[in-house]
Amino acid sequence: MTTSKTINFPPKKEKTLSQAMLDFRVNVDSVTKDSTNPYFNSGYTSYNAVRETINPTLDMLGIVVIQAPMILDGIDVLNTRIYMAHNTSEMIVSNIRLLLPKNDMQQLGGAITYAKRYALISLFGLAEDDDDGNKASEHPSIPTWENANQRKDVIVDARLHVDQDEMQEALDLLEKTKLHWINGDKIKDNAIVSKRGDSLWAGLGKEYKTKLSLFRREQK
């Protein structure tokens, strides 16, 4: 009589909000100024442009962002809450005071939109780049990585190659990952290629970057 044994695997550990925010930074670190303030003759990033830039990565990582005006201790504020879709107990909360010169719904709407844009840029640590005519394409609305673990897995494999003195294999893996999506399709957006390459190289760490750099130098 043959008996079978049931193997109970430990449950998959869910990503924390802090980990998800770090993964967000891997994919998105800046937004492009797409609008102009005629009063100050200066550029700024519109709220729509901010959301279009960050939403795909937020969805990929399961990060939820809720923004709504509210009254807190008698003061009008814009409340922003950031949390993981699977865990609402861990949360980042921000309240920005809404400055209203007079009771006017149109100005209230403008103040809310301004505060929503300002809150997102501040909470996610986004830099605002000037639009010189080509910059818009450098901040694509699709994530740099298809899933949150892809970059980490490639970095681990590249380090293993280096530890086994397989320098060329490590470089080939980094180059292939930089240029191709998971399904093998070649990435056509040069901005994403550049961002993926920089992200992979930065994640290797000083020791591994030094070994690979020395190997490259010897091959020239």
N, C-alpha and C. Protein backbone atom coordinates (compact mmCIF):
# COMPACT_ATOMS: atom_id res chain seq x y z
N MET A 1 0.85 -1.20 0.00
CA MET A 1 0.00 0.00 0.00
C MET A 1 0.88 1.25 0.00
N THR A 2 0.59 2.12 -0.92
CA THR A 2 1.40 3.33 -1.03
C THR A 2 0.71 4.49 -0.32
N THR A 3 1.44 5.15 0.50
CA THR A 3 0.88 6.31 1.19
C THR A 3 1.53 7.58 0.67
N SER A 4 0.78 8.60 0.66
CA SER A 4 1.30 9.89 0.19
C SER A 4 1.34 10.86 1.34
N LYS A 5 2.31 11.70 1.31
CA LYS A 5 2.48 12.69 2.37
C LYS A 5 2.17 14.08 1.81
N THR A 6 1.35 14.79 2.51
CA THR A 6 0.98 16.14 2.10
C THR A 6 2.02 17.13 2.61
N ILE A 7 2.55 17.91 1.69
CA ILE A 7 3.54 18.92 2.07
C ILE A 7 2.85 20.27 2.17
N ASN A 8 2.90 20.84 3.35
CA ASN A 8 2.29 22.15 3.57
C ASN A 8 3.35 23.23 3.44
N PHE A 9 3.29 23.96 2.35
CA PHE A 9 4.24 25.05 2.14
C PHE A 9 3.82 26.26 2.97
N PRO A 10 4.77 26.99 3.48
CA PRO A 10 4.42 28.19 4.25
C PRO A 10 3.74 29.21 3.35
N PRO A 11 2.80 29.95 3.91
CA PRO A 11 2.09 30.95 3.10
C PRO A 11 3.05 32.01 2.56
N LYS A 12 2.74 32.49 1.37
CA LYS A 12 3.58 33.52 0.75
C LYS A 12 3.51 34.80 1.57
N LYS A 13 4.67 35.35 1.85
CA LYS A 13 4.73 36.56 2.65
C LYS A 13 4.36 37.77 1.80
N GLU A 14 3.38 38.50 2.26
CA GLU A 14 2.92 39.66 1.52
C GLU A 14 3.90 40.81 1.66
N LYS A 15 4.00 41.61 0.63
CA LYS A 15 4.90 42.76 0.63
C LYS A 15 4.38 43.84 1.57
N THR A 16 5.27 44.43 2.34
CA THR A 16 4.89 45.54 3.22
C THR A 16 4.82 46.83 2.41
N LEU A 17 4.20 47.84 3.01
CA LEU A 17 4.10 49.13 2.33
C LEU A 17 5.48 49.73 2.11
N SER A 18 6.37 49.59 3.08
CA SER A 18 7.72 50.13 2.94
C SER A 18 8.46 49.47 1.78
N GLN A 19 8.32 48.14 1.66
CA GLN A 19 8.96 47.43 0.55
C GLN A 19 8.38 47.86 -0.79
N ALA A 20 7.06 48.04 -0.82
CA ALA A 20 6.40 48.46 -2.06
C ALA A 20 6.83 49.87 -2.47
N MET A 21 7.02 50.74 -1.49
CA MET A 21 7.45 52.10 -1.80
C MET A 21 8.87 52.09 -2.37
N LEU A 22 9.72 51.20 -1.87
CA LEU A 22 11.08 51.08 -2.42
C LEU A 22 11.01 50.56 -3.85
N ASP A 23 10.14 49.58 -4.11
CA ASP A 23 9.99 49.05 -5.46
C ASP A 23 9.42 50.12 -6.39
N PHE A 24 8.58 50.98 -5.86
CA PHE A 24 8.03 52.07 -6.66
C PHE A 24 9.16 52.98 -7.15
N ARG A 25 10.11 53.28 -6.27
CA ARG A 25 11.21 54.17 -6.62
C ARG A 25 12.10 53.58 -7.71
N VAL A 26 12.14 52.24 -7.77
CA VAL A 26 12.92 51.60 -8.84
C VAL A 26 12.32 51.92 -10.20
N ASN A 27 10.99 52.04 -10.25
CA ASN A 27 10.29 52.25 -11.51
C ASN A 27 10.06 53.71 -11.85
N VAL A 28 9.77 54.53 -10.84
CA VAL A 28 9.40 55.93 -11.09
C VAL A 28 10.15 56.83 -10.13
N ASP A 29 10.91 57.78 -10.66
CA ASP A 29 11.61 58.71 -9.78
C ASP A 29 11.40 60.17 -10.18
N SER A 30 10.69 60.41 -11.27
CA SER A 30 10.49 61.79 -11.70
C SER A 30 9.28 61.90 -12.61
N VAL A 31 8.80 63.12 -12.76
CA VAL A 31 7.70 63.44 -13.68
C VAL A 31 8.11 64.64 -14.52
N THR A 32 7.48 64.78 -15.66
CA THR A 32 7.84 65.86 -16.58
C THR A 32 6.88 67.04 -16.47
N LYS A 33 7.44 68.24 -16.41
CA LYS A 33 6.61 69.44 -16.41
C LYS A 33 5.92 69.58 -17.76
N ASP A 34 4.59 69.53 -17.74
CA ASP A 34 3.84 69.57 -18.99
C ASP A 34 2.94 70.81 -19.12
N SER A 35 2.97 71.67 -18.09
CA SER A 35 2.09 72.85 -18.10
C SER A 35 2.89 74.09 -17.72
N THR A 36 2.29 75.26 -18.00
CA THR A 36 2.96 76.53 -17.72
C THR A 36 2.07 77.42 -16.88
N ASN A 37 2.66 78.03 -15.85
CA ASN A 37 1.95 79.00 -15.03
C ASN A 37 2.17 80.38 -15.66
N PRO A 38 1.13 81.00 -16.27
CA PRO A 38 1.31 82.27 -16.97
C PRO A 38 1.65 83.43 -16.05
N TYR A 39 1.27 83.32 -14.78
CA TYR A 39 1.53 84.42 -13.85
C TYR A 39 2.99 84.50 -13.44
N PHE A 40 3.64 83.34 -13.36
CA PHE A 40 5.04 83.31 -12.95
C PHE A 40 5.97 82.88 -14.08
N ASN A 41 5.38 82.59 -15.26
CA ASN A 41 6.15 82.16 -16.43
C ASN A 41 7.07 80.98 -16.08
N SER A 42 6.50 80.01 -15.38
CA SER A 42 7.27 78.85 -14.95
C SER A 42 6.51 77.58 -15.28
N GLY A 43 7.24 76.49 -15.45
CA GLY A 43 6.62 75.21 -15.77
C GLY A 43 6.27 74.42 -14.53
N TYR A 44 5.30 73.54 -14.65
CA TYR A 44 4.94 72.65 -13.56
C TYR A 44 4.30 71.39 -14.13
N THR A 45 4.20 70.36 -13.30
CA THR A 45 3.61 69.10 -13.72
C THR A 45 2.15 69.08 -13.31
N SER A 46 1.26 68.89 -14.26
CA SER A 46 -0.17 68.87 -13.95
C SER A 46 -0.52 67.61 -13.15
N TYR A 47 -1.65 67.67 -12.46
CA TYR A 47 -2.11 66.52 -11.68
C TYR A 47 -2.33 65.31 -12.58
N ASN A 48 -2.94 65.54 -13.76
CA ASN A 48 -3.19 64.43 -14.68
C ASN A 48 -1.90 63.76 -15.12
N ALA A 49 -0.86 64.57 -15.38
CA ALA A 49 0.42 64.02 -15.81
C ALA A 49 1.05 63.19 -14.70
N VAL A 50 0.91 63.64 -13.46
CA VAL A 50 1.45 62.88 -12.32
C VAL A 50 0.76 61.53 -12.23
N ARG A 51 -0.58 61.51 -12.30
CA ARG A 51 -1.31 60.27 -12.18
C ARG A 51 -1.01 59.33 -13.35
N GLU A 52 -0.90 59.86 -14.55
CA GLU A 52 -0.60 59.02 -15.70
C GLU A 52 0.78 58.37 -15.58
N THR A 53 1.69 59.06 -14.91
CA THR A 53 3.04 58.53 -14.74
C THR A 53 3.10 57.45 -13.66
N ILE A 54 2.39 57.66 -12.55
CA ILE A 54 2.54 56.76 -11.41
C ILE A 54 1.52 55.63 -11.36
N ASN A 55 0.35 55.79 -11.99
CA ASN A 55 -0.72 54.80 -11.84
C ASN A 55 -0.34 53.38 -12.28
N PRO A 56 0.32 53.19 -13.44
CA PRO A 56 0.66 51.81 -13.84
C PRO A 56 1.52 51.08 -12.82
N THR A 57 2.48 51.79 -12.23
CA THR A 57 3.35 51.16 -11.24
C THR A 57 2.61 50.93 -9.92
N LEU A 58 1.74 51.86 -9.54
CA LEU A 58 0.92 51.67 -8.34
C LEU A 58 0.07 50.42 -8.49
N ASP A 59 -0.54 50.26 -9.65
CA ASP A 59 -1.39 49.09 -9.89
C ASP A 59 -0.57 47.80 -9.85
N MET A 60 0.62 47.83 -10.43
CA MET A 60 1.47 46.64 -10.46
C MET A 60 1.85 46.20 -9.05
N LEU A 61 2.14 47.17 -8.19
CA LEU A 61 2.60 46.86 -6.84
C LEU A 61 1.47 46.69 -5.84
N GLY A 62 0.25 47.00 -6.25
CA GLY A 62 -0.88 46.87 -5.33
C GLY A 62 -0.96 48.00 -4.32
N ILE A 63 -0.44 49.17 -4.71
CA ILE A 63 -0.50 50.34 -3.82
C ILE A 63 -1.77 51.15 -4.13
N VAL A 64 -2.52 51.47 -3.08
CA VAL A 64 -3.75 52.25 -3.23
C VAL A 64 -3.50 53.67 -2.73
N VAL A 65 -3.96 54.65 -3.51
CA VAL A 65 -3.85 56.05 -3.11
C VAL A 65 -5.25 56.67 -3.12
N ILE A 66 -5.68 57.18 -1.98
CA ILE A 66 -6.98 57.83 -1.85
C ILE A 66 -6.75 59.28 -1.46
N GLN A 67 -7.36 60.20 -2.19
CA GLN A 67 -7.25 61.64 -1.87
C GLN A 67 -8.63 62.26 -1.84
N ALA A 68 -8.90 63.03 -0.78
CA ALA A 68 -10.21 63.67 -0.66
C ALA A 68 -10.11 64.85 0.30
N PRO A 69 -10.87 65.92 0.04
CA PRO A 69 -10.88 67.05 0.97
C PRO A 69 -11.69 66.68 2.22
N MET A 70 -11.30 67.26 3.35
CA MET A 70 -12.02 67.02 4.59
C MET A 70 -11.78 68.19 5.54
N ILE A 71 -12.55 68.23 6.60
CA ILE A 71 -12.36 69.26 7.62
C ILE A 71 -11.75 68.59 8.84
N LEU A 72 -10.59 69.07 9.24
CA LEU A 72 -9.85 68.51 10.36
C LEU A 72 -9.63 69.60 11.41
N ASP A 73 -10.23 69.43 12.56
CA ASP A 73 -10.14 70.43 13.64
C ASP A 73 -10.57 71.81 13.14
N GLY A 74 -11.62 71.83 12.31
CA GLY A 74 -12.15 73.09 11.82
C GLY A 74 -11.38 73.70 10.66
N ILE A 75 -10.40 72.97 10.12
CA ILE A 75 -9.56 73.48 9.04
C ILE A 75 -9.78 72.63 7.79
N ASP A 76 -9.93 73.29 6.63
CA ASP A 76 -10.07 72.56 5.36
C ASP A 76 -8.71 71.99 4.96
N VAL A 77 -8.65 70.67 4.73
CA VAL A 77 -7.40 70.03 4.34
C VAL A 77 -7.66 69.04 3.21
N LEU A 78 -6.58 68.71 2.50
CA LEU A 78 -6.62 67.64 1.50
C LEU A 78 -5.97 66.42 2.15
N ASN A 79 -6.76 65.40 2.36
CA ASN A 79 -6.29 64.18 3.01
C ASN A 79 -5.83 63.17 1.96
N THR A 80 -4.61 62.66 2.12
CA THR A 80 -4.07 61.64 1.23
C THR A 80 -3.70 60.41 2.05
N ARG A 81 -4.15 59.25 1.59
CA ARG A 81 -3.83 58.00 2.28
C ARG A 81 -3.23 57.01 1.28
N ILE A 82 -2.13 56.40 1.69
CA ILE A 82 -1.43 55.42 0.86
C ILE A 82 -1.34 54.12 1.64
N TYR A 83 -1.81 53.02 1.03
CA TYR A 83 -1.75 51.73 1.72
C TYR A 83 -1.75 50.61 0.69
N MET A 84 -1.46 49.40 1.16
CA MET A 84 -1.45 48.23 0.30
C MET A 84 -2.87 47.69 0.16
N ALA A 85 -3.21 47.21 -1.02
CA ALA A 85 -4.56 46.72 -1.25
C ALA A 85 -4.91 45.55 -0.32
N HIS A 86 -3.90 44.75 0.05
CA HIS A 86 -4.17 43.57 0.89
C HIS A 86 -4.05 43.87 2.37
N ASN A 87 -3.64 45.10 2.73
CA ASN A 87 -3.43 45.42 4.14
C ASN A 87 -3.68 46.91 4.38
N THR A 88 -4.83 47.22 4.94
CA THR A 88 -5.17 48.62 5.19
C THR A 88 -4.72 49.11 6.56
N SER A 89 -4.10 48.22 7.34
CA SER A 89 -3.68 48.62 8.68
C SER A 89 -2.39 49.44 8.65
N GLU A 90 -1.55 49.19 7.64
CA GLU A 90 -0.30 49.95 7.47
C GLU A 90 -0.55 51.05 6.46
N MET A 91 -0.38 52.29 6.88
CA MET A 91 -0.83 53.39 6.03
C MET A 91 0.05 54.63 6.20
N ILE A 92 0.25 55.36 5.10
CA ILE A 92 0.88 56.68 5.13
C ILE A 92 -0.24 57.70 4.99
N VAL A 93 -0.29 58.65 5.90
CA VAL A 93 -1.37 59.65 5.89
C VAL A 93 -0.75 61.05 5.85
N SER A 94 -1.31 61.88 4.98
CA SER A 94 -0.84 63.27 4.86
C SER A 94 -2.05 64.20 4.80
N ASN A 95 -1.93 65.35 5.46
CA ASN A 95 -2.98 66.37 5.41
C ASN A 95 -2.35 67.71 5.02
N ILE A 96 -2.78 68.26 3.89
CA ILE A 96 -2.29 69.56 3.44
C ILE A 96 -3.41 70.57 3.58
N ARG A 97 -3.12 71.68 4.23
CA ARG A 97 -4.14 72.71 4.43
C ARG A 97 -4.51 73.34 3.10
N LEU A 98 -5.82 73.52 2.88
CA LEU A 98 -6.31 74.17 1.68
C LEU A 98 -6.47 75.66 1.96
N LEU A 99 -5.69 76.47 1.26
CA LEU A 99 -5.71 77.92 1.46
C LEU A 99 -6.71 78.54 0.50
N LEU A 100 -7.78 79.09 1.05
CA LEU A 100 -8.86 79.66 0.24
C LEU A 100 -9.01 81.14 0.57
N PRO A 101 -8.72 82.02 -0.40
CA PRO A 101 -8.85 83.46 -0.15
C PRO A 101 -10.29 83.91 0.05
N LYS A 102 -11.25 83.19 -0.52
CA LYS A 102 -12.66 83.53 -0.36
C LYS A 102 -13.51 82.30 -0.63
N ASN A 103 -14.78 82.38 -0.23
CA ASN A 103 -15.69 81.26 -0.42
C ASN A 103 -16.11 81.16 -1.88
N ASP A 104 -15.33 80.44 -2.66
CA ASP A 104 -15.60 80.31 -4.08
C ASP A 104 -15.32 78.87 -4.49
N MET A 105 -16.34 78.19 -5.06
CA MET A 105 -16.19 76.78 -5.40
C MET A 105 -15.11 76.56 -6.45
N GLN A 106 -14.98 77.49 -7.40
CA GLN A 106 -13.97 77.33 -8.44
C GLN A 106 -12.57 77.38 -7.84
N GLN A 107 -12.37 78.32 -6.92
CA GLN A 107 -11.07 78.41 -6.28
C GLN A 107 -10.84 77.22 -5.35
N LEU A 108 -11.91 76.70 -4.75
CA LEU A 108 -11.78 75.51 -3.93
C LEU A 108 -11.30 74.33 -4.78
N GLY A 109 -11.90 74.19 -5.98
CA GLY A 109 -11.49 73.12 -6.88
C GLY A 109 -10.04 73.24 -7.28
N GLY A 110 -9.61 74.48 -7.55
CA GLY A 110 -8.21 74.71 -7.92
C GLY A 110 -7.27 74.38 -6.77
N ALA A 111 -7.68 74.75 -5.55
CA ALA A 111 -6.84 74.47 -4.38
C ALA A 111 -6.73 72.97 -4.13
N ILE A 112 -7.83 72.25 -4.33
CA ILE A 112 -7.81 70.80 -4.14
C ILE A 112 -6.89 70.13 -5.15
N THR A 113 -7.01 70.53 -6.44
CA THR A 113 -6.17 69.95 -7.48
C THR A 113 -4.70 70.22 -7.21
N TYR A 114 -4.39 71.46 -6.81
CA TYR A 114 -3.00 71.82 -6.51
C TYR A 114 -2.47 70.98 -5.36
N ALA A 115 -3.29 70.83 -4.30
CA ALA A 115 -2.85 70.07 -3.13
C ALA A 115 -2.68 68.59 -3.46
N LYS A 116 -3.55 68.03 -4.31
CA LYS A 116 -3.43 66.63 -4.71
C LYS A 116 -2.12 66.39 -5.46
N ARG A 117 -1.81 67.29 -6.39
CA ARG A 117 -0.57 67.18 -7.16
C ARG A 117 0.65 67.32 -6.24
N TYR A 118 0.62 68.32 -5.38
CA TYR A 118 1.73 68.57 -4.47
C TYR A 118 1.94 67.40 -3.52
N ALA A 119 0.85 66.81 -3.02
CA ALA A 119 0.94 65.69 -2.08
C ALA A 119 1.59 64.48 -2.74
N LEU A 120 1.17 64.16 -3.97
CA LEU A 120 1.72 62.99 -4.66
C LEU A 120 3.20 63.15 -4.95
N ILE A 121 3.58 64.33 -5.45
CA ILE A 121 4.98 64.58 -5.77
C ILE A 121 5.84 64.50 -4.50
N SER A 122 5.33 65.02 -3.39
CA SER A 122 6.09 65.02 -2.14
C SER A 122 6.17 63.63 -1.52
N LEU A 123 5.03 62.94 -1.42
CA LEU A 123 5.00 61.64 -0.75
C LEU A 123 5.79 60.57 -1.49
N PHE A 124 5.79 60.65 -2.83
CA PHE A 124 6.51 59.65 -3.61
C PHE A 124 7.91 60.11 -4.00
N GLY A 125 8.30 61.30 -3.52
CA GLY A 125 9.66 61.78 -3.76
C GLY A 125 10.00 61.96 -5.22
N LEU A 126 9.07 62.52 -5.99
CA LEU A 126 9.27 62.66 -7.43
C LEU A 126 9.95 63.98 -7.77
N ALA A 127 10.94 63.90 -8.64
CA ALA A 127 11.58 65.12 -9.15
C ALA A 127 10.79 65.61 -10.36
N GLU A 128 10.77 66.92 -10.56
CA GLU A 128 10.08 67.49 -11.71
C GLU A 128 11.13 67.94 -12.72
N ASP A 129 11.10 67.32 -13.91
CA ASP A 129 12.05 67.65 -14.97
C ASP A 129 11.42 68.61 -15.96
N ASP A 130 12.23 69.51 -16.51
CA ASP A 130 11.75 70.42 -17.54
C ASP A 130 11.48 69.68 -18.82
N ASP A 131 10.47 70.12 -19.55
CA ASP A 131 10.12 69.51 -20.83
C ASP A 131 10.80 70.31 -21.94
N ASP A 132 11.82 69.70 -22.57
CA ASP A 132 12.55 70.41 -23.63
C ASP A 132 12.10 69.96 -25.02
N GLY A 133 10.94 69.30 -25.08
CA GLY A 133 10.43 68.84 -26.36
C GLY A 133 10.60 67.35 -26.53
N ASN A 134 11.57 66.78 -25.80
CA ASN A 134 11.80 65.34 -25.89
C ASN A 134 11.62 64.64 -24.55
N LYS A 135 11.58 65.42 -23.49
CA LYS A 135 11.54 64.86 -22.15
C LYS A 135 10.29 64.02 -21.89
N ALA A 136 9.17 64.38 -22.49
CA ALA A 136 7.93 63.67 -22.20
C ALA A 136 8.07 62.20 -22.48
N SER A 137 8.80 61.84 -23.53
CA SER A 137 8.96 60.44 -23.86
C SER A 137 9.92 59.72 -22.93
N GLU A 138 10.66 60.47 -22.11
CA GLU A 138 11.62 59.86 -21.21
C GLU A 138 10.98 59.41 -19.91
N HIS A 139 9.71 59.71 -19.73
CA HIS A 139 9.00 59.27 -18.54
C HIS A 139 7.77 58.51 -18.99
N PRO A 140 7.94 57.29 -19.46
CA PRO A 140 6.84 56.52 -20.02
C PRO A 140 5.78 56.19 -18.98
N SER A 141 4.55 55.97 -19.44
CA SER A 141 3.46 55.67 -18.53
C SER A 141 3.37 54.19 -18.20
N ILE A 142 4.29 53.37 -18.72
CA ILE A 142 4.31 51.96 -18.37
C ILE A 142 5.47 51.71 -17.42
N PRO A 143 5.34 50.74 -16.51
CA PRO A 143 6.40 50.48 -15.54
C PRO A 143 7.70 50.06 -16.21
N THR A 144 8.80 50.35 -15.54
CA THR A 144 10.11 49.94 -16.05
C THR A 144 10.25 48.42 -15.99
N TRP A 145 9.63 47.81 -15.00
CA TRP A 145 9.68 46.35 -14.83
C TRP A 145 8.28 45.78 -14.87
N GLU A 146 8.14 44.56 -15.42
CA GLU A 146 6.82 43.94 -15.55
C GLU A 146 6.24 43.52 -14.21
N ASN A 147 7.08 43.14 -13.27
CA ASN A 147 6.59 42.82 -11.93
C ASN A 147 7.66 43.22 -10.92
N ALA A 148 7.26 43.26 -9.67
CA ALA A 148 8.12 43.82 -8.63
C ALA A 148 9.36 42.98 -8.36
N ASN A 149 9.33 41.69 -8.65
CA ASN A 149 10.45 40.81 -8.30
C ASN A 149 11.44 40.61 -9.45
N GLN A 150 11.09 41.03 -10.65
CA GLN A 150 11.95 40.75 -11.81
C GLN A 150 13.36 41.30 -11.62
N ARG A 151 13.47 42.56 -11.25
CA ARG A 151 14.79 43.18 -11.09
C ARG A 151 15.59 42.46 -10.00
N LYS A 152 14.96 42.15 -8.88
CA LYS A 152 15.67 41.49 -7.79
C LYS A 152 16.20 40.13 -8.22
N ASP A 153 15.38 39.37 -8.96
CA ASP A 153 15.79 38.03 -9.40
C ASP A 153 16.99 38.11 -10.33
N VAL A 154 16.99 39.07 -11.25
CA VAL A 154 18.10 39.21 -12.19
C VAL A 154 19.38 39.61 -11.46
N ILE A 155 19.27 40.50 -10.50
CA ILE A 155 20.45 40.93 -9.74
C ILE A 155 21.04 39.76 -8.96
N VAL A 156 20.16 38.94 -8.36
CA VAL A 156 20.64 37.76 -7.63
C VAL A 156 21.38 36.82 -8.57
N ASP A 157 20.81 36.55 -9.74
CA ASP A 157 21.45 35.64 -10.71
C ASP A 157 22.78 36.20 -11.21
N ALA A 158 22.81 37.53 -11.45
CA ALA A 158 24.05 38.15 -11.92
C ALA A 158 25.14 38.04 -10.86
N ARG A 159 24.78 38.23 -9.60
CA ARG A 159 25.76 38.10 -8.52
C ARG A 159 26.28 36.68 -8.41
N LEU A 160 25.39 35.71 -8.62
CA LEU A 160 25.82 34.30 -8.58
C LEU A 160 26.84 34.01 -9.67
N HIS A 161 26.60 34.56 -10.86
CA HIS A 161 27.57 34.39 -11.95
C HIS A 161 28.93 34.98 -11.57
N VAL A 162 28.90 36.16 -10.97
CA VAL A 162 30.16 36.80 -10.56
C VAL A 162 30.86 35.96 -9.50
N ASP A 163 30.11 35.45 -8.53
CA ASP A 163 30.70 34.62 -7.47
C ASP A 163 31.35 33.37 -8.03
N GLN A 164 30.82 32.89 -9.16
CA GLN A 164 31.38 31.70 -9.80
C GLN A 164 32.40 32.06 -10.88
N ASP A 165 32.81 33.33 -10.87
CA ASP A 165 33.80 33.83 -11.82
C ASP A 165 33.30 33.74 -13.27
N GLU A 166 32.00 33.85 -13.45
CA GLU A 166 31.39 33.84 -14.78
C GLU A 166 31.01 35.27 -15.15
N MET A 167 32.03 36.09 -15.35
CA MET A 167 31.82 37.51 -15.55
C MET A 167 31.03 37.81 -16.84
N GLN A 168 31.41 37.15 -17.92
CA GLN A 168 30.74 37.42 -19.19
C GLN A 168 29.28 37.01 -19.13
N GLU A 169 29.00 35.90 -18.45
CA GLU A 169 27.61 35.46 -18.30
C GLU A 169 26.79 36.49 -17.53
N ALA A 170 27.41 37.08 -16.51
CA ALA A 170 26.72 38.10 -15.72
C ALA A 170 26.42 39.33 -16.58
N LEU A 171 27.41 39.76 -17.36
CA LEU A 171 27.21 40.92 -18.22
C LEU A 171 26.16 40.64 -19.30
N ASP A 172 26.19 39.43 -19.84
CA ASP A 172 25.21 39.07 -20.88
C ASP A 172 23.80 39.07 -20.30
N LEU A 173 23.65 38.58 -19.08
CA LEU A 173 22.34 38.55 -18.44
C LEU A 173 21.82 39.96 -18.20
N LEU A 174 22.68 40.84 -17.72
CA LEU A 174 22.28 42.23 -17.48
C LEU A 174 21.88 42.92 -18.77
N GLU A 175 22.66 42.68 -19.83
CA GLU A 175 22.38 43.32 -21.12
C GLU A 175 21.07 42.80 -21.71
N LYS A 176 20.87 41.50 -21.64
CA LYS A 176 19.64 40.91 -22.19
C LYS A 176 18.42 41.42 -21.44
N THR A 177 18.51 41.48 -20.11
CA THR A 177 17.39 41.95 -19.30
C THR A 177 17.10 43.42 -19.57
N LYS A 178 18.15 44.19 -19.79
CA LYS A 178 17.98 45.62 -20.07
C LYS A 178 17.21 45.84 -21.37
N LEU A 179 17.47 45.00 -22.34
CA LEU A 179 16.94 45.22 -23.70
C LEU A 179 15.63 44.51 -24.00
N HIS A 180 15.24 43.55 -23.17
CA HIS A 180 14.08 42.72 -23.52
C HIS A 180 13.09 42.59 -22.35
N TRP A 181 11.81 42.53 -22.71
CA TRP A 181 10.77 42.23 -21.73
C TRP A 181 10.85 40.76 -21.36
N ILE A 182 10.08 40.34 -20.36
CA ILE A 182 10.09 38.95 -19.91
C ILE A 182 9.74 37.99 -21.03
N ASN A 183 8.78 38.39 -21.90
CA ASN A 183 8.35 37.50 -22.99
C ASN A 183 9.33 37.43 -24.15
N GLY A 184 10.45 38.17 -24.05
CA GLY A 184 11.47 38.13 -25.10
C GLY A 184 11.38 39.25 -26.10
N ASP A 185 10.28 40.00 -26.08
CA ASP A 185 10.13 41.12 -27.01
C ASP A 185 11.16 42.20 -26.71
N LYS A 186 11.70 42.78 -27.76
CA LYS A 186 12.69 43.84 -27.57
C LYS A 186 11.99 45.14 -27.17
N ILE A 187 12.58 45.81 -26.20
CA ILE A 187 12.02 47.09 -25.73
C ILE A 187 12.36 48.19 -26.72
N LYS A 188 11.35 48.90 -27.18
CA LYS A 188 11.55 49.92 -28.22
C LYS A 188 11.80 51.31 -27.63
N ASP A 189 11.41 51.51 -26.38
CA ASP A 189 11.56 52.83 -25.76
C ASP A 189 12.95 52.94 -25.14
N ASN A 190 13.79 53.80 -25.70
CA ASN A 190 15.16 53.96 -25.21
C ASN A 190 15.22 54.45 -23.77
N ALA A 191 14.19 55.22 -23.37
CA ALA A 191 14.17 55.71 -21.99
C ALA A 191 14.03 54.57 -21.00
N ILE A 192 13.18 53.59 -21.34
CA ILE A 192 13.00 52.43 -20.46
C ILE A 192 14.26 51.58 -20.44
N VAL A 193 14.89 51.40 -21.60
CA VAL A 193 16.14 50.63 -21.68
C VAL A 193 17.20 51.26 -20.77
N SER A 194 17.34 52.56 -20.88
CA SER A 194 18.34 53.26 -20.07
C SER A 194 18.03 53.14 -18.59
N LYS A 195 16.76 53.28 -18.23
CA LYS A 195 16.36 53.22 -16.83
C LYS A 195 16.56 51.82 -16.26
N ARG A 196 16.26 50.79 -17.07
CA ARG A 196 16.46 49.41 -16.62
C ARG A 196 17.95 49.12 -16.40
N GLY A 197 18.79 49.59 -17.35
CA GLY A 197 20.21 49.38 -17.22
C GLY A 197 20.79 50.03 -15.98
N ASP A 198 20.41 51.29 -15.75
CA ASP A 198 20.90 52.00 -14.57
C ASP A 198 20.42 51.34 -13.28
N SER A 199 19.17 50.89 -13.31
CA SER A 199 18.59 50.26 -12.12
C SER A 199 19.29 48.96 -11.78
N LEU A 200 19.57 48.14 -12.79
CA LEU A 200 20.26 46.88 -12.56
C LEU A 200 21.68 47.11 -12.04
N TRP A 201 22.40 48.02 -12.66
CA TRP A 201 23.79 48.30 -12.29
C TRP A 201 23.86 48.82 -10.86
N ALA A 202 22.92 49.71 -10.50
CA ALA A 202 22.91 50.27 -9.15
C ALA A 202 22.61 49.20 -8.11
N GLY A 203 21.78 48.22 -8.48
CA GLY A 203 21.40 47.20 -7.52
C GLY A 203 22.45 46.15 -7.25
N LEU A 204 23.47 46.06 -8.08
CA LEU A 204 24.51 45.04 -7.91
C LEU A 204 25.33 45.25 -6.64
N GLY A 205 25.54 46.49 -6.28
CA GLY A 205 26.39 46.77 -5.13
C GLY A 205 27.83 47.06 -5.56
N LYS A 206 28.57 47.76 -4.72
CA LYS A 206 29.91 48.23 -5.05
C LYS A 206 30.86 47.09 -5.40
N GLU A 207 30.86 46.02 -4.61
CA GLU A 207 31.81 44.93 -4.82
C GLU A 207 31.62 44.29 -6.19
N TYR A 208 30.37 44.01 -6.55
CA TYR A 208 30.10 43.33 -7.82
C TYR A 208 30.32 44.26 -9.01
N LYS A 209 29.98 45.52 -8.84
CA LYS A 209 30.22 46.49 -9.92
C LYS A 209 31.72 46.63 -10.19
N THR A 210 32.52 46.62 -9.12
CA THR A 210 33.97 46.74 -9.28
C THR A 210 34.54 45.54 -10.04
N LYS A 211 34.10 44.33 -9.69
CA LYS A 211 34.60 43.12 -10.35
C LYS A 211 34.23 43.12 -11.84
N LEU A 212 32.99 43.50 -12.13
CA LEU A 212 32.55 43.51 -13.52
C LEU A 212 33.25 44.61 -14.32
N SER A 213 33.48 45.74 -13.69
CA SER A 213 34.18 46.84 -14.36
C SER A 213 35.61 46.46 -14.69
N LEU A 214 36.28 45.79 -13.76
CA LEU A 214 37.65 45.33 -14.01
C LEU A 214 37.68 44.30 -15.14
N PHE A 215 36.67 43.42 -15.16
CA PHE A 215 36.61 42.42 -16.22
C PHE A 215 36.42 43.09 -17.58
N ARG A 216 35.53 44.06 -17.63
CA ARG A 216 35.31 44.80 -18.90
C ARG A 216 36.59 45.45 -19.38
N ARG A 217 37.33 46.04 -18.43
CA ARG A 217 38.57 46.74 -18.78
C ARG A 217 39.60 45.77 -19.35
N GLU A 218 39.66 44.56 -18.79
CA GLU A 218 40.61 43.56 -19.27
C GLU A 218 40.27 43.06 -20.67
N GLN A 219 38.98 43.13 -21.02
CA GLN A 219 38.55 42.62 -22.33
C GLN A 219 38.84 43.61 -23.46
N LYS A 220 39.12 44.85 -23.11
CA LYS A 220 39.36 45.87 -24.16
C LYS A 220 40.76 45.75 -24.72
